[in-house]
Amino acid sequence: MTKQQILCLAKNAGADKCGIAPARIYEELLPILEKRSPTPFVKPDFAKRINPYLYLKDAKSVIVCLFKYREGDDKTVARYARGGDYHPYIKEKLKSICENLQGKHKILVDSGSLPEKHIAYLAGLGYFGKNNLLYSEGLGSYFNIGLILTDLELQPDTPLKRKCQQCDRCIKACPGGALGDGFCLEAEKCASYLTQKEEKLTEEQKEILKGNPYTLGCDICADVCPLNKEK
């Protein structure tokens, strides 16, 4: 099966963009994972974060699909949630691709396992902003990522060289001061994480949410970013 055939399958399934990343152990992420504070909903086991072979032992490539956020009227939640639960929606799209794939495959959609944004970067689909969001031309940062691990050996795409504009608007606008230079993110100060945190909030965290207009998630660092004006 050719790469072009897979790209056509992704397009027919409704993916806005598709690229190919290599399936390998992403050792370059270890220093970042070790330095960063624990993030809610993400597996703390570093091996499960960087090793695709734990999910498909014969994996050789990763098919990466981007799906722009679905529209919705509820402005009290962040953009990703306005169209309803995106997990089953994207899984069905990816299943329709897999129905026509040869060999073995494994679908992953925001499972808290592999680093979807980093793999999408490796697939040439975007570049990072200081707010730790991935930006893709024509979509901005307003999209979800779906992965298909496959034992097909496909030619990987090349990561983009483009970088964010270094304007620091996201850092300045973050209500909790969760962002910093060097792609720093303190999850316990991030309003998006705090709206989903199951444990009791501290008084400081409650103060952060007082300045957040969303009951679920937070789009402030994305909405102030000039890169999202380009989409």
C-alpha atoms as a PDB file:
ATOM      1  CA  MET A   1       0.000   0.000   0.000  1.00  0.00           C
ATOM      2  CA  THR A   2       1.431   3.382  -0.987  1.00  0.00           C
ATOM      3  CA  LYS A   3       1.663   6.539   1.061  1.00  0.00           C
ATOM      4  CA  GLN A   4      -0.467   8.371  -1.481  1.00  0.00           C
ATOM      5  CA  GLN A   5      -3.229   5.795  -1.122  1.00  0.00           C
ATOM      6  CA  ILE A   6      -3.221   6.302   2.648  1.00  0.00           C
ATOM      7  CA  LEU A   7      -3.389  10.085   2.263  1.00  0.00           C
ATOM      8  CA  CYS A   8      -6.422   9.621  -0.007  1.00  0.00           C
ATOM      9  CA  LEU A   9      -8.066   7.332   2.569  1.00  0.00           C
ATOM     10  CA  ALA A  10      -7.527   9.971   5.257  1.00  0.00           C
ATOM     11  CA  LYS A  11      -8.998  12.708   3.094  1.00  0.00           C
ATOM     12  CA  ASN A  12     -12.031  10.562   2.257  1.00  0.00           C
ATOM     13  CA  ALA A  13     -12.496   9.876   5.985  1.00  0.00           C
ATOM     14  CA  GLY A  14     -12.737  13.599   6.676  1.00  0.00           C
ATOM     15  CA  ALA A  15      -9.237  14.354   7.940  1.00  0.00           C
ATOM     16  CA  ASP A  16      -8.217  17.939   7.263  1.00  0.00           C
ATOM     17  CA  LYS A  17      -4.562  16.962   7.132  1.00  0.00           C
ATOM     18  CA  CYS A  18      -2.550  13.753   7.201  1.00  0.00           C
ATOM     19  CA  GLY A  19       1.144  12.997   7.526  1.00  0.00           C
ATOM     20  CA  ILE A  20       3.468  10.110   8.322  1.00  0.00           C
ATOM     21  CA  ALA A  21       5.824   9.930  11.301  1.00  0.00           C
ATOM     22  CA  PRO A  22       8.362   7.211  12.084  1.00  0.00           C
ATOM     23  CA  ALA A  23       7.497   4.694  14.777  1.00  0.00           C
ATOM     24  CA  ARG A  24      10.460   4.683  17.145  1.00  0.00           C
ATOM     25  CA  ILE A  25      11.241   5.300  20.785  1.00  0.00           C
ATOM     26  CA  TYR A  26      11.046   9.076  21.211  1.00  0.00           C
ATOM     27  CA  GLU A  27      14.000   9.402  23.571  1.00  0.00           C
ATOM     28  CA  GLU A  28      14.342  13.129  22.873  1.00  0.00           C
ATOM     29  CA  LEU A  29      11.245  13.722  25.009  1.00  0.00           C
ATOM     30  CA  LEU A  30      12.632  12.178  28.195  1.00  0.00           C
ATOM     31  CA  PRO A  31      14.346  15.350  29.512  1.00  0.00           C
ATOM     32  CA  ILE A  32      11.145  17.338  28.945  1.00  0.00           C
ATOM     33  CA  LEU A  33       8.937  14.741  30.631  1.00  0.00           C
ATOM     34  CA  GLU A  34      11.277  14.456  33.603  1.00  0.00           C
ATOM     35  CA  LYS A  35      11.456  18.236  34.036  1.00  0.00           C
ATOM     36  CA  ARG A  36       7.774  18.993  33.581  1.00  0.00           C
ATOM     37  CA  SER A  37       5.345  18.732  36.480  1.00  0.00           C
ATOM     38  CA  PRO A  38       2.862  15.822  36.330  1.00  0.00           C
ATOM     39  CA  THR A  39       0.002  16.545  33.947  1.00  0.00           C
ATOM     40  CA  PRO A  40      -3.540  15.359  34.691  1.00  0.00           C
ATOM     41  CA  PHE A  41      -4.947  12.627  32.430  1.00  0.00           C
ATOM     42  CA  VAL A  42      -1.473  11.702  31.127  1.00  0.00           C
ATOM     43  CA  LYS A  43       0.206   8.441  32.067  1.00  0.00           C
ATOM     44  CA  PRO A  44       3.102   9.121  34.476  1.00  0.00           C
ATOM     45  CA  ASP A  45       4.963   6.056  33.138  1.00  0.00           C
ATOM     46  CA  PHE A  46       7.582   7.573  30.831  1.00  0.00           C
ATOM     47  CA  ALA A  47       8.024   4.313  28.890  1.00  0.00           C
ATOM     48  CA  LYS A  48       4.361   4.383  27.887  1.00  0.00           C
ATOM     49  CA  ARG A  49       4.757   7.980  26.747  1.00  0.00           C
ATOM     50  CA  ILE A  50       7.671   7.408  24.377  1.00  0.00           C
ATOM     51  CA  ASN A  51       7.481   3.773  23.258  1.00  0.00           C
ATOM     52  CA  PRO A  52       4.967   2.952  20.471  1.00  0.00           C
ATOM     53  CA  TYR A  53       6.011  -0.703  20.532  1.00  0.00           C
ATOM     54  CA  LEU A  54       4.114  -1.111  23.806  1.00  0.00           C
ATOM     55  CA  TYR A  55       0.913  -0.509  21.817  1.00  0.00           C
ATOM     56  CA  LEU A  56       1.834  -2.280  18.572  1.00  0.00           C
ATOM     57  CA  LYS A  57       5.016  -4.334  18.805  1.00  0.00           C
ATOM     58  CA  ASP A  58       5.508  -4.461  15.032  1.00  0.00           C
ATOM     59  CA  ALA A  59       4.894  -0.740  14.484  1.00  0.00           C
ATOM     60  CA  LYS A  60       6.982   0.851  11.752  1.00  0.00           C
ATOM     61  CA  SER A  61       5.046   4.034  10.945  1.00  0.00           C
ATOM     62  CA  VAL A  62       2.459   6.351  12.470  1.00  0.00           C
ATOM     63  CA  ILE A  63      -0.350   7.756  10.336  1.00  0.00           C
ATOM     64  CA  VAL A  64      -1.242  11.135  11.859  1.00  0.00           C
ATOM     65  CA  CYS A  65      -4.565  12.808  11.084  1.00  0.00           C
ATOM     66  CA  LEU A  66      -5.731  16.291  12.037  1.00  0.00           C
ATOM     67  CA  PHE A  67      -9.426  17.097  12.401  1.00  0.00           C
ATOM     68  CA  LYS A  68     -10.475  20.702  12.894  1.00  0.00           C
ATOM     69  CA  TYR A  69     -12.700  21.380  15.880  1.00  0.00           C
ATOM     70  CA  ARG A  70     -16.403  20.893  15.253  1.00  0.00           C
ATOM     71  CA  GLU A  71     -18.602  23.945  15.637  1.00  0.00           C
ATOM     72  CA  GLY A  72     -20.891  24.429  18.635  1.00  0.00           C
ATOM     73  CA  ASP A  73     -22.896  27.175  20.304  1.00  0.00           C
ATOM     74  CA  ASP A  74     -21.831  26.669  23.922  1.00  0.00           C
ATOM     75  CA  LYS A  75     -19.333  29.481  24.535  1.00  0.00           C
ATOM     76  CA  THR A  76     -18.938  28.499  28.195  1.00  0.00           C
ATOM     77  CA  VAL A  77     -16.661  25.615  27.193  1.00  0.00           C
ATOM     78  CA  ALA A  78     -13.400  25.662  25.259  1.00  0.00           C
ATOM     79  CA  ARG A  79     -13.522  25.230  21.498  1.00  0.00           C
ATOM     80  CA  TYR A  80     -12.487  21.561  21.521  1.00  0.00           C
ATOM     81  CA  ALA A  81     -15.595  20.640  23.540  1.00  0.00           C
ATOM     82  CA  ARG A  82     -18.238  22.687  21.707  1.00  0.00           C
ATOM     83  CA  GLY A  83     -18.985  19.978  19.160  1.00  0.00           C
ATOM     84  CA  GLY A  84     -19.437  17.258  21.787  1.00  0.00           C
ATOM     85  CA  ASP A  85     -17.074  14.444  22.753  1.00  0.00           C
ATOM     86  CA  TYR A  86     -14.505  14.253  19.979  1.00  0.00           C
ATOM     87  CA  HIS A  87     -13.027  10.880  21.021  1.00  0.00           C
ATOM     88  CA  PRO A  88     -15.709   8.573  19.500  1.00  0.00           C
ATOM     89  CA  TYR A  89     -16.109  10.941  16.539  1.00  0.00           C
ATOM     90  CA  ILE A  90     -12.429  10.739  15.576  1.00  0.00           C
ATOM     91  CA  LYS A  91     -12.172   7.032  16.357  1.00  0.00           C
ATOM     92  CA  GLU A  92     -14.930   6.323  13.837  1.00  0.00           C
ATOM     93  CA  LYS A  93     -13.080   8.374  11.237  1.00  0.00           C
ATOM     94  CA  LEU A  94      -9.867   6.464  11.883  1.00  0.00           C
ATOM     95  CA  LYS A  95     -11.696   3.124  11.819  1.00  0.00           C
ATOM     96  CA  SER A  96     -12.928   3.905   8.325  1.00  0.00           C
ATOM     97  CA  ILE A  97      -9.293   4.374   7.285  1.00  0.00           C
ATOM     98  CA  CYS A  98      -8.218   1.136   8.959  1.00  0.00           C
ATOM     99  CA  GLU A  99     -10.917  -0.840   7.171  1.00  0.00           C
ATOM    100  CA  ASN A 100      -8.915  -0.332   4.007  1.00  0.00           C
ATOM    101  CA  LEU A 101      -5.439  -0.701   5.504  1.00  0.00           C
ATOM    102  CA  GLN A 102      -3.282  -3.742   5.023  1.00  0.00           C
ATOM    103  CA  GLY A 103      -1.387  -5.332   7.898  1.00  0.00           C
ATOM    104  CA  LYS A 104      -1.671  -4.624  11.618  1.00  0.00           C
ATOM    105  CA  HIS A 105      -2.753  -1.331  13.132  1.00  0.00           C
ATOM    106  CA  LYS A 106      -3.700   0.353  16.412  1.00  0.00           C
ATOM    107  CA  ILE A 107      -5.829   3.486  16.854  1.00  0.00           C
ATOM    108  CA  LEU A 108      -4.998   6.059  19.542  1.00  0.00           C
ATOM    109  CA  VAL A 109      -7.058   9.206  20.200  1.00  0.00           C
ATOM    110  CA  ASP A 110      -5.968  11.430  23.090  1.00  0.00           C
ATOM    111  CA  SER A 111      -5.382   8.369  25.234  1.00  0.00           C
ATOM    112  CA  GLY A 112      -2.821   9.969  27.537  1.00  0.00           C
ATOM    113  CA  SER A 113      -0.256   7.576  26.122  1.00  0.00           C
ATOM    114  CA  LEU A 114       1.931   8.590  23.190  1.00  0.00           C
ATOM    115  CA  PRO A 115       2.752  12.306  22.681  1.00  0.00           C
ATOM    116  CA  GLU A 116       0.318  13.139  19.871  1.00  0.00           C
ATOM    117  CA  LYS A 117       1.545  16.698  19.316  1.00  0.00           C
ATOM    118  CA  HIS A 118       5.194  15.678  19.081  1.00  0.00           C
ATOM    119  CA  ILE A 119       4.367  12.882  16.650  1.00  0.00           C
ATOM    120  CA  ALA A 120       2.269  15.276  14.553  1.00  0.00           C
ATOM    121  CA  TYR A 121       5.283  17.608  14.515  1.00  0.00           C
ATOM    122  CA  LEU A 122       7.482  14.745  13.298  1.00  0.00           C
ATOM    123  CA  ALA A 123       4.889  14.084  10.581  1.00  0.00           C
ATOM    124  CA  GLY A 124       5.416  17.608   9.241  1.00  0.00           C
ATOM    125  CA  LEU A 125       1.951  18.788  10.237  1.00  0.00           C
ATOM    126  CA  GLY A 126       2.810  21.721  12.457  1.00  0.00           C
ATOM    127  CA  TYR A 127       5.152  23.594  14.775  1.00  0.00           C
ATOM    128  CA  PHE A 128       5.001  24.586  18.439  1.00  0.00           C
ATOM    129  CA  GLY A 129       4.081  27.859  20.076  1.00  0.00           C
ATOM    130  CA  LYS A 130       5.266  28.944  23.521  1.00  0.00           C
ATOM    131  CA  ASN A 131       1.848  27.904  24.853  1.00  0.00           C
ATOM    132  CA  ASN A 132       2.796  24.289  24.054  1.00  0.00           C
ATOM    133  CA  LEU A 133       0.111  24.115  21.369  1.00  0.00           C
ATOM    134  CA  LEU A 134       0.824  22.773  17.905  1.00  0.00           C
ATOM    135  CA  TYR A 135       0.010  25.083  15.006  1.00  0.00           C
ATOM    136  CA  SER A 136      -0.838  23.842  11.526  1.00  0.00           C
ATOM    137  CA  GLU A 137      -1.188  26.074   8.483  1.00  0.00           C
ATOM    138  CA  GLY A 138      -4.841  26.809   7.737  1.00  0.00           C
ATOM    139  CA  LEU A 139      -6.023  25.305  11.035  1.00  0.00           C
ATOM    140  CA  GLY A 140      -4.108  27.257  13.634  1.00  0.00           C
ATOM    141  CA  SER A 141      -4.142  25.288  16.885  1.00  0.00           C
ATOM    142  CA  TYR A 142      -7.859  24.486  16.686  1.00  0.00           C
ATOM    143  CA  PHE A 143      -7.764  20.787  15.832  1.00  0.00           C
ATOM    144  CA  ASN A 144      -7.707  17.318  17.365  1.00  0.00           C
ATOM    145  CA  ILE A 145      -5.119  14.656  16.572  1.00  0.00           C
ATOM    146  CA  GLY A 146      -5.723  10.992  15.781  1.00  0.00           C
ATOM    147  CA  LEU A 147      -2.957   8.391  15.466  1.00  0.00           C
ATOM    148  CA  ILE A 148      -2.855   5.055  13.669  1.00  0.00           C
ATOM    149  CA  LEU A 149       0.134   2.860  14.472  1.00  0.00           C
ATOM    150  CA  THR A 150       0.807   0.533  11.567  1.00  0.00           C
ATOM    151  CA  ASP A 151       3.303  -2.171  10.592  1.00  0.00           C
ATOM    152  CA  LEU A 152       3.436  -0.692   7.098  1.00  0.00           C
ATOM    153  CA  GLU A 153       6.826   0.820   6.301  1.00  0.00           C
ATOM    154  CA  LEU A 154       6.009   4.260   4.924  1.00  0.00           C
ATOM    155  CA  GLN A 155       8.228   7.193   3.978  1.00  0.00           C
ATOM    156  CA  PRO A 156       7.998   9.684   6.866  1.00  0.00           C
ATOM    157  CA  ASP A 157       7.390  13.368   6.295  1.00  0.00           C
ATOM    158  CA  THR A 158       9.867  16.070   7.301  1.00  0.00           C
ATOM    159  CA  PRO A 159       9.258  18.290  10.364  1.00  0.00           C
ATOM    160  CA  LEU A 160       8.629  21.953   9.593  1.00  0.00           C
ATOM    161  CA  LYS A 161      11.350  24.482  10.389  1.00  0.00           C
ATOM    162  CA  ARG A 162       8.924  27.295  11.143  1.00  0.00           C
ATOM    163  CA  LYS A 163       8.724  28.598  14.718  1.00  0.00           C
ATOM    164  CA  CYS A 164       6.346  30.807  16.684  1.00  0.00           C
ATOM    165  CA  GLN A 165       6.726  34.595  16.621  1.00  0.00           C
ATOM    166  CA  GLN A 166       8.131  34.826  20.180  1.00  0.00           C
ATOM    167  CA  CYS A 167       5.667  37.616  21.032  1.00  0.00           C
ATOM    168  CA  ASP A 168       4.944  36.165  24.507  1.00  0.00           C
ATOM    169  CA  ARG A 169       1.260  37.129  24.282  1.00  0.00           C
ATOM    170  CA  CYS A 170       0.238  33.667  25.492  1.00  0.00           C
ATOM    171  CA  ILE A 171       2.561  33.880  28.493  1.00  0.00           C
ATOM    172  CA  LYS A 172       1.245  37.309  29.474  1.00  0.00           C
ATOM    173  CA  ALA A 173      -2.430  36.377  29.003  1.00  0.00           C
ATOM    174  CA  CYS A 174      -2.433  33.066  30.913  1.00  0.00           C
ATOM    175  CA  PRO A 175      -4.672  33.637  33.979  1.00  0.00           C
ATOM    176  CA  GLY A 176      -2.649  31.317  36.195  1.00  0.00           C
ATOM    177  CA  GLY A 177       0.825  32.195  34.985  1.00  0.00           C
ATOM    178  CA  ALA A 178       1.283  28.584  33.924  1.00  0.00           C
ATOM    179  CA  LEU A 179       3.444  29.365  30.886  1.00  0.00           C
ATOM    180  CA  GLY A 180       7.068  30.408  30.700  1.00  0.00           C
ATOM    181  CA  ASP A 181      10.090  30.556  28.446  1.00  0.00           C
ATOM    182  CA  GLY A 182      11.511  27.294  27.169  1.00  0.00           C
ATOM    183  CA  PHE A 183       8.013  25.876  26.566  1.00  0.00           C
ATOM    184  CA  CYS A 184       7.482  25.671  30.316  1.00  0.00           C
ATOM    185  CA  LEU A 185       4.032  24.538  31.471  1.00  0.00           C
ATOM    186  CA  GLU A 186       2.969  24.184  35.106  1.00  0.00           C
ATOM    187  CA  ALA A 187      -0.165  22.064  34.903  1.00  0.00           C
ATOM    188  CA  GLU A 188      -1.323  22.926  38.424  1.00  0.00           C
ATOM    189  CA  LYS A 189      -1.590  26.584  37.382  1.00  0.00           C
ATOM    190  CA  CYS A 190      -3.284  25.931  34.025  1.00  0.00           C
ATOM    191  CA  ALA A 191      -6.989  26.850  33.999  1.00  0.00           C
ATOM    192  CA  SER A 192      -7.739  24.216  31.361  1.00  0.00           C
ATOM    193  CA  TYR A 193      -6.427  21.442  33.594  1.00  0.00           C
ATOM    194  CA  LEU A 194      -7.981  22.890  36.738  1.00  0.00           C
ATOM    195  CA  THR A 195     -11.493  22.816  35.231  1.00  0.00           C
ATOM    196  CA  GLN A 196     -11.039  19.063  34.804  1.00  0.00           C
ATOM    197  CA  LYS A 197      -9.169  18.287  37.994  1.00  0.00           C
ATOM    198  CA  GLU A 198     -10.963  15.739  40.199  1.00  0.00           C
ATOM    199  CA  GLU A 199      -9.022  16.509  43.377  1.00  0.00           C
ATOM    200  CA  LYS A 200      -9.904  19.428  45.623  1.00  0.00           C
ATOM    201  CA  LEU A 201      -8.611  22.778  44.415  1.00  0.00           C
ATOM    202  CA  THR A 202      -6.368  24.957  46.532  1.00  0.00           C
ATOM    203  CA  GLU A 203      -7.406  28.536  47.305  1.00  0.00           C
ATOM    204  CA  GLU A 204      -4.815  29.767  44.799  1.00  0.00           C
ATOM    205  CA  GLN A 205      -6.279  27.515  42.102  1.00  0.00           C
ATOM    206  CA  LYS A 206      -9.786  28.754  42.855  1.00  0.00           C
ATOM    207  CA  GLU A 207      -8.538  32.305  42.306  1.00  0.00           C
ATOM    208  CA  ILE A 208      -7.131  31.290  38.916  1.00  0.00           C
ATOM    209  CA  LEU A 209     -10.519  29.982  37.821  1.00  0.00           C
ATOM    210  CA  LYS A 210     -12.252  33.200  38.882  1.00  0.00           C
ATOM    211  CA  GLY A 211     -10.571  34.863  35.939  1.00  0.00           C
ATOM    212  CA  ASN A 212     -11.455  32.072  33.533  1.00  0.00           C
ATOM    213  CA  PRO A 213     -14.688  32.464  31.506  1.00  0.00           C
ATOM    214  CA  TYR A 214     -14.901  28.727  30.760  1.00  0.00           C
ATOM    215  CA  THR A 215     -16.510  25.954  32.805  1.00  0.00           C
ATOM    216  CA  LEU A 216     -14.481  23.391  30.837  1.00  0.00           C
ATOM    217  CA  GLY A 217     -11.062  23.991  29.359  1.00  0.00           C
ATOM    218  CA  CYS A 218      -9.505  27.329  28.459  1.00  0.00           C
ATOM    219  CA  ASP A 219      -8.745  28.989  25.108  1.00  0.00           C
ATOM    220  CA  ILE A 220      -7.136  32.205  26.326  1.00  0.00           C
ATOM    221  CA  CYS A 221      -3.537  31.392  25.340  1.00  0.00           C
ATOM    222  CA  ALA A 222      -4.722  30.208  21.917  1.00  0.00           C
ATOM    223  CA  ASP A 223      -7.101  33.078  21.211  1.00  0.00           C
ATOM    224  CA  VAL A 224      -4.494  35.784  21.857  1.00  0.00           C
ATOM    225  CA  CYS A 225      -1.946  34.099  19.596  1.00  0.00           C
ATOM    226  CA  PRO A 226      -1.388  35.822  16.229  1.00  0.00           C
ATOM    227  CA  LEU A 227      -0.749  32.440  14.622  1.00  0.00           C
ATOM    228  CA  ASN A 228      -4.434  31.624  15.034  1.00  0.00           C
ATOM    229  CA  LYS A 229      -5.281  34.759  13.085  1.00  0.00           C
ATOM    230  CA  GLU A 230      -3.583  33.202  10.044  1.00  0.00           C
ATOM    231  CA  LYS A 231      -5.934  30.244   9.749  1.00  0.00           C
END
